[in-house]
Amino acid sequence: MSWPLRFSANLKWLFGERRIEERPAAAAEAGFRAIEHPQPYDLPAARWGQVLSDAGVAQVLLNTPTGPSRSDTEFGAACVPGARSEFRAGFDRALQYAVAVGCPLINVMAGVQPPTVIQSQAADTYLENLTWAAAECGGTDVTLVIEAVNPYDRPGAFIQRQEHAADIIGLIGSDRVRLLLDLYHCQIVQGNLARTFQLLTPLIGHVQVADVPTRAEPGTGEINYSYLLDLVRSSDYTGWIGCEYAPSSSTEASLSWLPPDHQLTQTPRWISSTPGTRRLPFEKYGFWVSPGMDRRSAACL
């Protein structure tokens, strides 16, 4: 069956010529009915929720807070030993914010493995923090996503490959944790986007797009987005596709690549109306986890 494609505007990257409070309305004017913003925390949740409501758009993704510039947690605290309190306080803030504005997805920022930390320590810390965060979502409609990030843009990123993220999802074993498949990062690290998407579709909670090598809009680089979007359209994935790219000109001019059938109306089928009642059948799709592999070994892949 073919599904309409549903795009959300990433307001860190798009409409950057406007103040943050003006960007949701600009996205709505451009035709978007959903937005994502990684760090909206400069505004109180009530104020940001009112801005979204006035613009007539929904927020579908936000990130956990990041730490100070040049600190070990600059890109996230989840894998950093010794930053447990910082991670938990930040996650509590993200969850409260998500519930307040009705945002269904939180991207848990794994962060960068500090050079003084061995991989098994970072893996144990990450698994502990992610398991705790998934449990904290009980009683809400919020789902967590985790993302593989390329090491050229972010040296030392804890999760760099899609199979590593998939293994972690299997180890956590919760329907509260899914994959954020960023096609830009995936192409840089491992390519083979079509096959990767097909294998991981059952795990995917969100998709993000940008072209390689400049991270501009689709159609400006080496990725065949026409083919990929047809593949997504004919798959079982019905979630959002985040436009997380740096426009090569103005934001409005950069939107010409959007396919004519895109729309933002349907609730993704993997989001359960009753939290905890739909569990992810990971065992059926456990492509990379070897039988008998312990949590630390798989998390260190």
Foldseek 3Di string as FASTA:
>chain_A
DFAFAAAAEEQVAAPVVDPSLCVLLVCVVLPHQEYEYAPPPVDPLVVSLVSNVVSNHAYAEYEQDFDDPPDQRNQADQLEPPCLVVRVVSLVVVLVSCQSNVHAEYEHGLGFYDPVDDLLSSLVSNLVSVLVSLVVCPPHLHAYEYEAADCVVPPRRLHHEPLLRLLSCVVSQFLRYAYEAEPQSHCVRPNPVLVVCVLRVLRHDEYEYAEPDQQEAPPPHDDPVVVVVSSVRPDLWDHYYYHPGNHPDHSSVSCPPDDPRHDHDDDRPSRDPRPPPDTRPSVVRSPPDDPPDDSSRSNSD
